[in-house]
Amino acid sequence: MTFSIKSRAEEIKKLKTRRLDLLVIGGGITGAGLALQASAAGMRTALIDMQDFGAGTSSRSTRLVHGGIRYLKSFDVEVVSETVQERAIIQHVAPHVTRPDPMLLPIYDEPGTTFSMFSVKIAMDLYDRLAGINKSEYLKKYANYTLDKEQVLKLEPQLNPENLAGGGVYLDYLNNDSRLVIENIKKAHDLGGLMVSRMKAVKVLHNQFGNACGVTVKDMISGEEFDVKAKIVLNASGPWSDFVKDLDDKHDQRKTQMRPTKGVHLVVDQSRLNVPKPTYFGSGTNDGRMIFTIPRDGKTYFGTTDTDFKGDLTHPKVDQGDVDYLLKIINKKYPNAHITLDDVESSWAGVRPLVAEEPAPVDDKKKEEEKPDVVSGASDSGSHKLTASQVSRGSSLKRADDGLITLAGGKLTDYRKMADGAMKMIIEIMNTQYARDFKPVDSASIKVSGGDFDSNHAEEELENYAKEAIAAGVDPVGAEKMANIFGSNTEEVIANAKDTKPIAGLSLAETLSLRYSMENEMTLTPEDYLFRRTNNLLFNHDEIKNVKAGVISEMAKYYDWTDDQIKDYTEKTNELINEAELDYLKDAAAVEA
């Protein structure tokens, strides 16, 4: 079943004519996971997003599935216990985009440090216990252990030895966030769900009893507006949750729930910062933050910041202050690296959809003055008792008096659990109010698209898919990348490999991947492909300009773009690349110099 611009037209026809059981607003990981479960349960399900799937928070994370060991210091055991077990489950359902990779946690004797050598062992043991590592034969090999100072430096020689007390090694999981989203979306689509990107909710509809019964939507491609009817409407729009609730005229717009914060990551070549294994350490700035340094595809990325965000939610940007903060920390922890702004090859900024501790007091006059457009940004909701880093990463599930459900907050790691909770509420409503007989699904056993292989032997399985690609004529590096992106769908990607001539500027692997993605992953723009379907924008700095030209050329043929459209997409893609490379900050620094 194709999932492309062609199928989109058919799905829009169904949106106009069907009365749905469930309409999900928001195509990030939370909405995608819920749409998958609802579709698997046999509900008439649709999901809409005003942007590409995963274009918000869910493509801008630290790219880890982790329980958040640092939250144990603040005794947020409930959040950790709910998420730490999820790592293995997500690896099981999406083994091509999630894999175990032990994390090094160096311990420094310095003010404001998150852990000491004593407390880190307690935290790691609790972490493992909550995860049930000793109960799994597959996971037992990943049980935590401690290292003395010499052992840490032998493992990671570039680390600063000053005040280094030792370290711990514990299990966490690497992840490809945007791929996890699209693979959930594709599976939901395969199960009959209507998954439509570039479709913006503009108004919540009500029946004669005052209950939410659908949404007026706007097709962001054609400009057409129409009504979508549904028995249940669920808001899973992440940082936009308050704004979507404001589309409901029965909602008190003075009641804000979200407290968005910004997180920034920077990417440098591994030759500039050689980190052999994922590493996690206190910032050393007495601010309670923890910093990741992660090796990936010959690069090293590090982050993250955590600051309250009041800007454009659709376009968070890296500021000079973000760069200064991260480089100060990195150069202190890796004193011989001497990383500068000029070393940054790529970057990304994302907005966390944190649920505020409590609604802040609202000045009606000030609220009216600062009220933003639903897609533009968040106004200042007043002073906060907690710093951004102290706000809990817990989730919230609430049903308004008119029936509109809002599922907000949480972490990428607990998206399936959040969907489980929402499904219990949805099934109860459907079965009691609409006399249906829906039953919960075992979401822990539903493999996402591309994940149909033995997760306990993921490395061997992925190697076999790569070998199949090599046998079809794909180069070894491209074959490995393809297997890690598409998993069991690799066989479909390479189906016509022997009859395919590479596009100018692209390898055979990239050519096959792009064509598959346009036909089966609703890839509509160069940004969709270069940023979210692949990581070319982030981790392929050396080739991105050549790849960009080939991608635009092929997409122009597939979509029959006009010369003006080609020019527009080329300019937008150049702007995207330049922004990721932080050219605007580098140019400003050059002027000041």
Protein backbone atom coordinates (compact mmCIF):
# COMPACT_ATOMS: atom_id res chain seq x y z
CA MET A 1 0.00 0.00 0.00
CA THR A 2 1.60 3.26 -1.09
CA PHE A 3 1.71 6.24 1.23
CA SER A 4 2.36 9.21 -1.02
CA ILE A 5 0.88 12.35 -2.57
CA LYS A 6 -1.38 10.02 -4.57
CA SER A 7 -2.83 8.27 -1.53
CA ARG A 8 -3.16 11.64 0.24
CA ALA A 9 -5.85 12.73 -2.21
CA GLU A 10 -7.83 9.57 -1.50
CA GLU A 11 -7.49 9.98 2.25
CA ILE A 12 -8.75 13.57 2.07
CA LYS A 13 -11.88 12.32 0.29
CA LYS A 14 -12.45 9.91 3.18
CA LEU A 15 -11.87 12.65 5.75
CA LYS A 16 -14.67 14.62 4.11
CA THR A 17 -17.19 11.80 3.99
CA ARG A 18 -16.54 9.50 6.96
CA ARG A 19 -17.58 10.00 10.54
CA LEU A 20 -14.52 8.90 12.43
CA ASP A 21 -14.30 7.20 15.77
CA LEU A 22 -11.15 9.14 16.66
CA LEU A 23 -9.47 12.22 15.22
CA VAL A 24 -5.95 12.89 16.52
CA ILE A 25 -4.53 16.40 16.15
CA GLY A 26 -0.74 16.26 16.12
CA GLY A 27 1.62 13.98 14.20
CA GLY A 28 4.54 13.85 16.59
CA ILE A 29 5.50 10.68 18.43
CA THR A 30 2.60 10.92 20.92
CA GLY A 31 -0.07 11.26 18.24
CA ALA A 32 1.62 8.69 16.01
CA GLY A 33 1.75 6.10 18.79
CA LEU A 34 -1.90 6.70 19.66
CA ALA A 35 -3.01 6.51 16.01
CA LEU A 36 -1.22 3.18 15.69
CA GLN A 37 -2.97 1.70 18.73
CA ALA A 38 -6.39 3.02 17.71
CA SER A 39 -5.99 1.70 14.16
CA ALA A 40 -4.85 -1.68 15.52
CA ALA A 41 -7.95 -1.77 17.73
CA GLY A 42 -10.14 -1.41 14.65
CA MET A 43 -11.27 2.16 15.22
CA ARG A 44 -11.95 4.51 12.34
CA THR A 45 -8.93 6.68 13.02
CA ALA A 46 -7.44 9.77 11.41
CA LEU A 47 -4.42 11.85 12.32
CA ILE A 48 -3.67 15.34 11.03
CA ASP A 49 -0.68 17.63 11.41
CA MET A 50 -0.26 21.15 10.06
CA GLN A 51 3.38 20.35 9.17
CA ASP A 52 5.22 17.20 8.19
CA PHE A 53 4.96 14.25 10.57
CA GLY A 54 7.36 14.77 13.46
CA ALA A 55 8.35 18.25 12.30
CA GLY A 56 8.14 19.68 15.81
CA THR A 57 9.63 18.28 18.99
CA SER A 58 9.78 14.69 17.75
CA SER A 59 12.59 15.31 15.25
CA ARG A 60 14.61 17.55 17.56
CA SER A 61 15.37 15.43 20.62
CA THR A 62 18.70 14.10 21.92
CA ARG A 63 17.94 10.98 19.88
CA LEU A 64 17.95 8.67 22.87
CA VAL A 65 15.40 6.39 24.47
CA HIS A 66 16.30 6.79 28.12
CA GLY A 67 14.67 6.74 31.50
CA GLY A 68 16.33 9.92 32.72
CA ILE A 69 18.68 8.73 35.44
CA ARG A 70 19.19 12.31 36.64
CA TYR A 71 15.56 12.52 37.75
CA LEU A 72 16.36 10.00 40.49
CA LYS A 73 18.31 12.73 42.27
CA SER A 74 15.10 14.78 42.60
CA PHE A 75 13.22 11.61 43.67
CA ASP A 76 11.06 11.65 40.52
CA VAL A 77 11.03 7.85 40.75
CA GLU A 78 7.54 7.56 39.27
CA VAL A 79 8.57 9.20 35.99
CA VAL A 80 11.75 7.10 35.82
CA SER A 81 10.02 3.82 36.67
CA GLU A 82 7.38 4.38 34.01
CA THR A 83 9.93 5.15 31.30
CA VAL A 84 12.98 3.05 32.09
CA GLN A 85 11.19 -0.22 31.27
CA GLU A 86 9.95 1.29 28.03
CA ARG A 87 13.43 1.36 26.53
CA ALA A 88 13.47 -2.39 25.93
CA ILE A 89 9.88 -2.37 24.67
CA ILE A 90 10.60 0.37 22.13
CA GLN A 91 13.72 -1.49 21.05
CA HIS A 92 11.52 -4.57 20.55
CA VAL A 93 8.86 -2.84 18.44
CA ALA A 94 11.34 -0.64 16.51
CA PRO A 95 14.64 -2.55 16.54
CA HIS A 96 16.07 -0.82 13.46
CA VAL A 97 15.85 2.69 14.96
CA THR A 98 16.43 1.88 18.66
CA ARG A 99 19.35 -0.06 20.04
CA PRO A 100 21.05 -0.61 23.41
CA ASP A 101 24.30 1.28 23.88
CA PRO A 102 25.87 1.58 27.36
CA MET A 103 26.41 5.15 28.58
CA LEU A 104 29.51 6.40 30.39
CA LEU A 105 28.78 8.68 33.34
CA PRO A 106 32.03 10.37 34.52
CA ILE A 107 31.81 11.66 38.09
CA TYR A 108 33.52 14.93 38.99
CA ASP A 109 34.09 16.27 42.48
CA GLU A 110 32.83 19.80 41.85
CA PRO A 111 30.09 22.16 43.12
CA GLY A 112 26.57 21.33 41.98
CA THR A 113 27.51 17.88 40.71
CA THR A 114 24.51 15.62 40.11
CA PHE A 115 26.10 12.42 41.44
CA SER A 116 28.99 11.31 43.62
CA MET A 117 30.67 7.92 43.27
CA PHE A 118 28.51 6.72 46.16
CA SER A 119 25.20 8.06 44.89
CA VAL A 120 25.79 7.06 41.26
CA LYS A 121 26.06 3.39 42.17
CA ILE A 122 22.82 3.60 44.13
CA ALA A 123 21.14 5.40 41.22
CA MET A 124 22.42 2.91 38.65
CA ASP A 125 21.34 -0.06 40.74
CA LEU A 126 17.87 1.44 41.15
CA TYR A 127 17.79 2.25 37.44
CA ASP A 128 18.60 -1.36 36.55
CA ARG A 129 16.13 -2.69 39.11
CA LEU A 130 13.32 -0.52 37.76
CA ALA A 131 14.21 -1.68 34.23
CA GLY A 132 14.22 -5.36 35.22
CA ILE A 133 17.62 -5.87 33.61
CA ASN A 134 18.53 -8.87 35.77
CA LYS A 135 15.29 -10.60 34.75
CA SER A 136 16.22 -10.61 31.06
CA GLU A 137 18.88 -12.92 29.67
CA TYR A 138 19.30 -10.56 26.72
CA LEU A 139 19.84 -7.51 28.96
CA LYS A 140 21.93 -9.06 31.74
CA LYS A 141 25.11 -8.33 29.80
CA TYR A 142 24.29 -4.63 30.14
CA ALA A 143 24.22 -4.55 33.96
CA ASN A 144 25.85 -1.39 35.36
CA TYR A 145 29.35 -1.17 36.81
CA THR A 146 31.68 1.49 38.19
CA LEU A 147 35.14 2.60 37.01
CA ASP A 148 37.98 4.31 38.84
CA LYS A 149 39.62 7.44 37.45
CA GLU A 150 42.30 5.60 35.48
CA GLN A 151 39.75 3.29 33.87
CA VAL A 152 37.57 6.22 32.81
CA LEU A 153 40.52 8.00 31.19
CA LYS A 154 41.61 4.83 29.44
CA LEU A 155 38.12 4.51 28.00
CA GLU A 156 37.87 8.20 27.07
CA PRO A 157 41.33 9.86 27.02
CA GLN A 158 40.12 13.34 26.02
CA LEU A 159 38.15 13.83 29.23
CA ASN A 160 39.46 16.36 31.72
CA PRO A 161 41.28 14.46 34.51
CA GLU A 162 41.04 17.37 36.98
CA ASN A 163 38.65 16.55 39.85
CA LEU A 164 37.63 13.33 38.07
CA ALA A 165 36.63 10.83 40.75
CA GLY A 166 35.69 7.90 38.55
CA GLY A 167 32.59 6.92 36.65
CA GLY A 168 29.76 4.53 36.03
CA VAL A 169 28.54 2.66 32.97
CA TYR A 170 24.84 1.87 32.63
CA LEU A 171 22.41 0.92 29.88
CA ASP A 172 20.57 3.42 27.73
CA TYR A 173 19.41 3.30 24.12
CA LEU A 174 20.26 5.28 21.01
CA ASN A 175 17.33 6.23 18.83
CA ASN A 176 16.38 7.92 15.57
CA ASP A 177 13.46 10.05 16.72
CA SER A 178 11.99 11.18 13.39
CA ARG A 179 12.26 7.65 11.99
CA LEU A 180 10.40 6.30 15.03
CA VAL A 181 7.59 8.74 14.24
CA ILE A 182 7.28 7.91 10.54
CA GLU A 183 7.46 4.16 11.17
CA ASN A 184 4.55 4.44 13.65
CA ILE A 185 2.64 6.56 11.14
CA LYS A 186 3.27 4.08 8.31
CA LYS A 187 2.11 1.15 10.42
CA ALA A 188 -1.06 3.01 11.43
CA HIS A 189 -1.66 3.74 7.76
CA ASP A 190 -1.14 0.08 6.85
CA LEU A 191 -3.78 -0.80 9.47
CA GLY A 192 -6.34 1.49 7.86
CA GLY A 193 -5.74 4.82 9.60
CA LEU A 194 -5.99 8.05 7.63
CA MET A 195 -2.67 9.83 8.15
CA VAL A 196 -2.61 13.32 6.60
CA SER A 197 0.20 15.83 6.97
CA ARG A 198 -0.02 19.53 6.02
CA MET A 199 -3.59 19.59 7.38
CA LYS A 200 -4.17 22.28 10.02
CA ALA A 201 -6.95 22.30 12.61
CA VAL A 202 -8.61 25.73 12.65
CA LYS A 203 -11.74 25.24 14.78
CA VAL A 204 -13.27 22.62 17.08
CA LEU A 205 -16.83 21.73 16.05
CA HIS A 206 -19.71 21.02 18.46
CA ASN A 207 -23.01 19.19 18.10
CA GLN A 208 -26.40 20.39 19.33
CA PHE A 209 -25.53 19.20 22.84
CA GLY A 210 -22.37 21.28 22.97
CA ASN A 211 -20.03 18.31 22.69
CA ALA A 212 -16.90 18.32 20.50
CA CYS A 213 -17.76 16.38 17.35
CA GLY A 214 -15.00 17.19 14.92
CA VAL A 215 -12.72 19.89 13.57
CA THR A 216 -12.69 22.36 10.71
CA VAL A 217 -9.38 21.86 8.93
CA LYS A 218 -7.36 23.69 6.31
CA ASP A 219 -5.32 21.87 3.69
CA MET A 220 -1.99 23.69 3.80
CA ILE A 221 -1.20 22.56 0.26
CA SER A 222 -4.44 23.45 -1.57
CA GLY A 223 -5.80 26.04 0.86
CA GLU A 224 -9.18 24.27 0.99
CA GLU A 225 -11.13 24.24 4.26
CA PHE A 226 -13.64 21.55 5.24
CA ASP A 227 -15.10 19.81 8.27
CA VAL A 228 -13.93 16.47 9.66
CA LYS A 229 -16.47 14.72 11.89
CA ALA A 230 -15.42 12.43 14.73
CA LYS A 231 -16.94 10.93 17.86
CA ILE A 232 -13.79 11.73 19.82
CA VAL A 233 -11.28 14.52 19.18
CA LEU A 234 -7.90 14.24 20.87
CA ASN A 235 -5.31 16.98 21.07
CA ALA A 236 -1.77 15.55 20.94
CA SER A 237 -0.07 18.64 19.57
CA GLY A 238 2.79 18.85 22.05
CA PRO A 239 3.99 22.44 22.55
CA TRP A 240 0.89 23.65 20.68
CA SER A 241 -1.52 21.96 23.13
CA ASP A 242 -2.77 25.22 24.65
CA PHE A 243 -3.27 26.76 21.21
CA VAL A 244 -5.27 23.81 19.93
CA LYS A 245 -7.43 23.98 23.05
CA ASP A 246 -7.99 27.65 22.22
CA LEU A 247 -9.58 26.52 18.93
CA ASP A 248 -12.40 25.25 21.14
CA ASP A 249 -14.62 28.26 21.94
CA LYS A 250 -15.86 26.45 25.04
CA HIS A 251 -12.34 26.41 26.47
CA ASP A 252 -11.27 29.13 28.94
CA GLN A 253 -8.36 30.63 27.04
CA ARG A 254 -6.90 32.05 30.25
CA LYS A 255 -6.05 28.54 31.45
CA THR A 256 -2.59 27.62 30.18
CA GLN A 257 -1.10 24.20 30.78
CA MET A 258 2.14 24.10 28.81
CA ARG A 259 5.54 25.50 29.68
CA PRO A 260 7.67 25.04 26.52
CA THR A 261 11.44 24.99 26.95
CA LYS A 262 14.15 24.98 24.29
CA GLY A 263 16.89 22.40 23.92
CA VAL A 264 19.86 22.85 21.58
CA HIS A 265 22.37 20.35 20.16
CA LEU A 266 25.56 21.03 18.20
CA VAL A 267 27.39 18.68 15.80
CA VAL A 268 31.14 18.60 15.12
CA ASP A 269 33.34 16.19 13.21
CA GLN A 270 34.68 13.29 15.25
CA SER A 271 38.22 14.39 14.36
CA ARG A 272 37.58 17.51 16.46
CA LEU A 273 35.91 15.75 19.38
CA ASN A 274 36.54 12.03 19.57
CA VAL A 275 34.06 10.43 21.96
CA PRO A 276 34.31 6.62 21.72
CA LYS A 277 31.01 5.94 23.51
CA PRO A 278 27.92 7.91 24.57
CA THR A 279 28.83 10.02 27.59
CA TYR A 280 26.68 11.86 30.11
CA PHE A 281 28.00 14.29 32.72
CA GLY A 282 27.05 17.20 34.93
CA SER A 283 27.44 20.63 33.35
CA GLY A 284 29.84 21.76 36.08
CA THR A 285 28.08 25.13 36.13
CA ASN A 286 26.03 24.48 39.28
CA ASP A 287 22.79 24.70 37.27
CA GLY A 288 21.67 21.09 37.74
CA ARG A 289 21.92 20.31 34.03
CA MET A 290 23.39 17.16 32.51
CA ILE A 291 25.12 17.13 29.12
CA PHE A 292 25.29 14.35 26.53
CA THR A 293 28.11 13.78 24.03
CA ILE A 294 27.13 11.16 21.47
CA PRO A 295 29.18 9.66 18.59
CA ARG A 296 27.20 9.10 15.39
CA ASP A 297 28.11 8.49 11.74
CA GLY A 298 31.63 9.91 12.09
CA LYS A 299 30.38 12.97 13.98
CA THR A 300 29.91 13.90 17.62
CA TYR A 301 26.89 15.83 18.81
CA PHE A 302 26.39 17.33 22.23
CA GLY A 303 23.67 19.03 24.26
CA THR A 304 21.38 20.04 25.60
CA THR A 305 20.23 23.39 26.92
CA ASP A 306 16.98 23.85 28.84
CA THR A 307 15.57 27.37 28.83
CA ASP A 308 12.03 28.74 28.82
CA PHE A 309 10.94 29.46 25.26
CA LYS A 310 8.62 32.22 24.11
CA GLY A 311 9.40 32.31 20.39
CA ASP A 312 8.08 30.73 17.21
CA LEU A 313 7.20 27.12 18.00
CA THR A 314 7.45 26.14 14.34
CA HIS A 315 10.93 27.61 14.02
CA PRO A 316 13.09 27.48 17.17
CA LYS A 317 16.61 28.72 16.48
CA VAL A 318 20.00 28.33 18.10
CA ASP A 319 21.12 31.56 19.77
CA GLN A 320 24.65 32.69 20.50
CA GLY A 321 23.94 32.20 24.19
CA ASP A 322 23.09 28.54 23.54
CA VAL A 323 26.39 28.04 21.72
CA ASP A 324 28.41 29.86 24.38
CA TYR A 325 26.84 27.75 27.13
CA LEU A 326 27.53 24.41 25.44
CA LEU A 327 31.04 25.25 24.21
CA LYS A 328 32.08 26.46 27.65
CA ILE A 329 31.03 23.14 29.15
CA ILE A 330 32.47 20.97 26.37
CA ASN A 331 35.82 22.73 26.39
CA LYS A 332 36.03 22.35 30.16
CA LYS A 333 35.27 18.62 30.01
CA TYR A 334 37.45 18.12 26.91
CA PRO A 335 40.16 20.78 27.43
CA ASN A 336 42.35 19.70 24.51
CA ALA A 337 39.52 19.87 21.97
CA HIS A 338 39.29 23.70 21.79
CA ILE A 339 35.96 23.58 20.00
CA THR A 340 34.81 26.90 18.53
CA LEU A 341 31.75 28.12 16.66
CA ASP A 342 33.60 27.55 13.38
CA ASP A 343 33.87 23.83 14.19
CA VAL A 344 30.08 23.42 14.35
CA GLU A 345 28.98 21.62 11.18
CA SER A 346 25.30 21.35 12.03
CA SER A 347 22.84 21.96 14.83
CA TRP A 348 19.23 21.68 15.84
CA ALA A 349 16.90 23.32 18.33
CA GLY A 350 13.73 21.77 19.69
CA VAL A 351 10.91 22.75 22.02
CA ARG A 352 9.97 20.45 24.89
CA PRO A 353 6.22 20.23 25.61
CA LEU A 354 6.53 20.41 29.40
CA VAL A 355 3.42 20.52 31.55
CA ALA A 356 3.59 23.41 34.00
CA GLU A 357 3.48 22.68 37.72
CA GLU A 358 0.38 24.85 37.97
CA PRO A 359 -1.37 27.43 35.81
CA ALA A 360 0.30 30.78 36.27
CA PRO A 361 -1.75 33.83 37.26
CA VAL A 362 -3.02 35.59 34.17
CA ASP A 363 -3.42 39.30 33.61
CA ASP A 364 -6.33 39.51 31.15
CA LYS A 365 -5.09 42.72 29.54
CA LYS A 366 -1.54 41.41 29.22
CA LYS A 367 -2.82 38.06 27.88
CA GLU A 368 -4.73 39.84 25.12
CA GLU A 369 -1.69 41.91 24.19
CA GLU A 370 0.59 38.87 24.03
CA LYS A 371 -1.83 36.35 22.54
CA PRO A 372 0.04 34.71 19.62
CA ASP A 373 -1.24 33.04 16.50
CA VAL A 374 -1.90 29.34 17.01
CA VAL A 375 1.18 28.36 14.99
CA SER A 376 3.55 31.16 15.88
CA GLY A 377 4.68 30.86 19.46
CA ALA A 378 4.09 30.98 23.17
CA SER A 379 3.54 34.11 25.16
CA ASP A 380 5.11 34.58 28.57
CA SER A 381 2.80 32.91 31.07
CA GLY A 382 4.25 34.72 34.04
CA SER A 383 6.93 33.94 36.58
CA HIS A 384 7.63 30.30 37.42
CA LYS A 385 8.57 28.78 40.75
CA LEU A 386 10.73 26.10 39.18
CA THR A 387 13.61 26.46 36.76
CA ALA A 388 13.10 24.90 33.33
CA SER A 389 15.31 21.92 34.26
CA GLN A 390 13.30 21.27 37.42
CA VAL A 391 9.94 20.94 35.69
CA SER A 392 8.76 17.34 35.73
CA ARG A 393 8.79 15.38 32.45
CA GLY A 394 5.53 13.70 33.47
CA SER A 395 2.50 13.57 31.17
CA SER A 396 -1.07 14.79 31.48
CA LEU A 397 -4.33 13.31 30.16
CA LYS A 398 -7.42 15.50 30.59
CA ARG A 399 -10.92 15.52 29.16
CA ALA A 400 -12.71 18.87 28.94
CA ASP A 401 -16.39 19.34 29.77
CA ASP A 402 -17.23 19.27 26.04
CA GLY A 403 -15.29 16.03 25.51
CA LEU A 404 -12.09 17.37 23.91
CA ILE A 405 -9.23 15.21 25.19
CA THR A 406 -5.74 16.63 25.61
CA LEU A 407 -2.71 14.35 25.96
CA ALA A 408 0.36 16.43 26.77
CA GLY A 409 3.85 16.40 28.25
CA GLY A 410 5.90 13.27 28.74
CA LYS A 411 9.10 12.14 27.08
CA LEU A 412 9.71 10.39 23.78
CA THR A 413 10.56 7.27 25.77
CA ASP A 414 7.10 6.94 27.28
CA TYR A 415 5.03 7.67 24.15
CA ARG A 416 3.58 4.13 24.08
CA LYS A 417 2.58 4.27 27.75
CA MET A 418 0.94 7.62 27.18
CA ALA A 419 -1.00 6.15 24.28
CA ASP A 420 -2.00 3.18 26.44
CA GLY A 421 -3.50 5.52 29.02
CA ALA A 422 -5.35 7.53 26.40
CA MET A 423 -6.69 4.35 24.76
CA LYS A 424 -8.25 3.21 28.05
CA MET A 425 -10.18 6.46 28.21
CA ILE A 426 -11.13 6.33 24.52
CA ILE A 427 -12.32 2.72 24.66
CA GLU A 428 -14.42 3.43 27.74
CA ILE A 429 -16.09 6.37 25.98
CA MET A 430 -16.69 4.40 22.78
CA ASN A 431 -18.08 1.37 24.58
CA THR A 432 -20.31 3.20 27.05
CA GLN A 433 -21.51 6.17 25.01
CA TYR A 434 -21.62 4.58 21.57
CA ALA A 435 -22.38 0.94 22.46
CA ARG A 436 -19.25 -0.39 20.78
CA ASP A 437 -17.13 -3.33 21.88
CA PHE A 438 -13.57 -2.21 21.39
CA LYS A 439 -10.86 -4.01 23.33
CA PRO A 440 -7.37 -2.84 24.28
CA VAL A 441 -4.51 -4.01 22.10
CA ASP A 442 -1.18 -5.27 23.35
CA SER A 443 0.81 -2.32 22.07
CA ALA A 444 4.08 -3.82 23.33
CA SER A 445 3.78 -6.48 20.64
CA ILE A 446 2.89 -4.27 17.66
CA LYS A 447 5.95 -3.91 15.49
CA VAL A 448 6.25 -0.60 13.69
CA SER A 449 6.89 -0.51 9.96
CA GLY A 450 10.41 -1.78 9.27
CA GLY A 451 10.66 -3.60 12.58
CA ASP A 452 9.54 -7.06 11.48
CA PHE A 453 12.56 -9.06 12.68
CA ASP A 454 14.01 -10.53 15.87
CA SER A 455 14.89 -7.63 18.15
CA ASN A 456 17.08 -9.86 20.34
CA HIS A 457 19.40 -10.32 17.38
CA ALA A 458 18.96 -6.90 15.80
CA GLU A 459 22.60 -6.39 14.84
CA GLU A 460 22.79 -9.66 12.93
CA GLU A 461 19.43 -9.07 11.26
CA LEU A 462 20.42 -5.58 10.12
CA GLU A 463 23.73 -6.92 8.83
CA ASN A 464 21.78 -9.41 6.73
CA TYR A 465 19.60 -6.64 5.25
CA ALA A 466 22.77 -4.70 4.45
CA LYS A 467 24.24 -7.76 2.73
CA GLU A 468 21.10 -8.07 0.61
CA ALA A 469 21.51 -4.45 -0.43
CA ILE A 470 25.17 -5.01 -1.31
CA ALA A 471 24.21 -8.03 -3.39
CA ALA A 472 21.76 -5.77 -5.24
CA GLY A 473 24.58 -3.37 -6.15
CA VAL A 474 24.53 -0.90 -3.26
CA ASP A 475 27.88 0.21 -1.80
CA PRO A 476 28.68 -1.17 1.70
CA VAL A 477 28.41 2.19 3.50
CA GLY A 478 25.13 3.01 1.79
CA ALA A 479 23.82 -0.48 2.46
CA GLU A 480 24.51 -0.24 6.19
CA LYS A 481 22.86 3.18 6.36
CA MET A 482 19.87 1.92 4.41
CA ALA A 483 19.38 -1.07 6.72
CA ASN A 484 19.54 1.12 9.81
CA ILE A 485 16.99 3.55 8.37
CA PHE A 486 14.48 1.19 6.80
CA GLY A 487 14.97 -2.10 8.65
CA SER A 488 12.88 -4.91 7.20
CA ASN A 489 11.58 -2.51 4.53
CA THR A 490 15.08 -2.55 3.01
CA GLU A 491 14.00 -5.44 0.81
CA GLU A 492 11.28 -3.23 -0.69
CA VAL A 493 13.68 -0.30 -1.06
CA ILE A 494 16.14 -2.35 -3.13
CA ALA A 495 13.51 -4.26 -5.12
CA ASN A 496 14.39 -2.46 -8.37
CA ALA A 497 18.03 -1.80 -7.61
CA LYS A 498 19.45 -3.72 -10.57
CA ASP A 499 17.31 -1.71 -12.99
CA THR A 500 17.97 1.66 -11.34
CA LYS A 501 20.49 4.20 -12.57
CA PRO A 502 21.75 6.54 -9.83
CA ILE A 503 20.54 10.11 -9.99
CA ALA A 504 23.25 12.68 -10.78
CA GLY A 505 24.87 13.67 -7.50
CA LEU A 506 23.38 10.74 -5.60
CA SER A 507 24.62 7.24 -4.89
CA LEU A 508 22.50 4.24 -5.79
CA ALA A 509 21.60 3.87 -2.11
CA GLU A 510 20.43 7.49 -1.87
CA THR A 511 18.52 7.21 -5.16
CA LEU A 512 16.66 4.11 -4.01
CA SER A 513 16.01 5.58 -0.57
CA LEU A 514 14.59 8.82 -1.96
CA ARG A 515 12.26 7.07 -4.41
CA TYR A 516 11.00 4.69 -1.73
CA SER A 517 10.48 7.57 0.66
CA MET A 518 8.41 9.59 -1.81
CA GLU A 519 6.25 6.58 -2.63
CA ASN A 520 5.86 5.14 0.86
CA GLU A 521 6.64 7.80 3.49
CA MET A 522 4.69 10.90 2.40
CA THR A 523 7.91 12.76 1.69
CA LEU A 524 6.70 15.97 0.06
CA THR A 525 9.62 18.41 0.35
CA PRO A 526 13.44 18.30 0.33
CA GLU A 527 13.37 19.17 4.05
CA ASP A 528 11.19 16.13 4.79
CA TYR A 529 13.80 13.89 3.23
CA LEU A 530 17.07 15.58 4.17
CA PHE A 531 16.14 16.25 7.80
CA ARG A 532 13.45 13.81 8.98
CA ARG A 533 13.46 10.73 6.73
CA THR A 534 17.26 10.68 6.74
CA ASN A 535 19.84 12.48 8.86
CA ASN A 536 21.72 13.93 5.90
CA LEU A 537 21.23 17.49 7.09
CA LEU A 538 22.68 16.73 10.51
CA PHE A 539 25.39 14.13 10.00
CA ASN A 540 26.42 14.36 6.33
CA HIS A 541 28.00 17.80 6.21
CA ASP A 542 30.66 16.83 3.67
CA GLU A 543 28.11 15.70 1.08
CA ILE A 544 24.97 17.66 1.90
CA LYS A 545 25.26 20.19 -0.93
CA ASN A 546 25.67 17.46 -3.58
CA VAL A 547 22.91 15.37 -2.05
CA LYS A 548 20.65 18.42 -1.86
CA ALA A 549 20.97 19.11 -5.59
CA GLY A 550 20.20 15.51 -6.54
CA VAL A 551 17.22 15.32 -4.17
CA ILE A 552 15.67 18.53 -5.50
CA SER A 553 16.20 17.42 -9.09
CA GLU A 554 14.52 14.06 -8.54
CA MET A 555 11.65 15.48 -6.49
CA ALA A 556 11.03 18.10 -9.17
CA LYS A 557 10.54 15.31 -11.73
CA TYR A 558 8.35 13.23 -9.43
CA TYR A 559 6.09 16.11 -8.43
CA ASP A 560 6.29 17.96 -11.75
CA TRP A 561 7.40 21.18 -10.10
CA THR A 562 7.48 24.39 -12.12
CA ASP A 563 10.65 26.43 -12.47
CA ASP A 564 9.35 28.79 -9.80
CA GLN A 565 8.70 25.90 -7.42
CA ILE A 566 12.17 24.50 -8.03
CA LYS A 567 13.66 27.90 -7.29
CA ASP A 568 11.56 28.26 -4.14
CA TYR A 569 12.47 24.81 -2.80
CA THR A 570 16.13 25.38 -3.63
CA GLU A 571 16.15 28.65 -1.71
CA LYS A 572 14.33 27.13 1.26
CA THR A 573 16.69 24.16 1.34
CA ASN A 574 19.74 26.43 1.17
CA GLU A 575 18.32 28.47 4.05
CA LEU A 576 17.71 25.27 6.01
CA ILE A 577 21.30 24.10 5.52
CA ASN A 578 22.79 27.52 6.28
CA GLU A 579 20.73 27.80 9.45
CA ALA A 580 21.74 24.32 10.62
CA GLU A 581 25.38 25.27 9.99
CA LEU A 582 24.80 28.45 12.08
CA ASP A 583 25.98 30.72 9.27
CA TYR A 584 24.00 33.61 10.75
CA LEU A 585 26.00 33.37 13.97
CA LYS A 586 29.31 32.83 12.16
CA ASP A 587 28.68 35.84 9.93
CA ALA A 588 27.83 38.01 12.95
CA ALA A 589 31.01 36.88 14.69
CA ALA A 590 33.06 37.72 11.57
CA VAL A 591 31.58 41.22 11.44
CA GLU A 592 32.40 41.81 15.11
CA ALA A 593 35.94 40.58 14.56
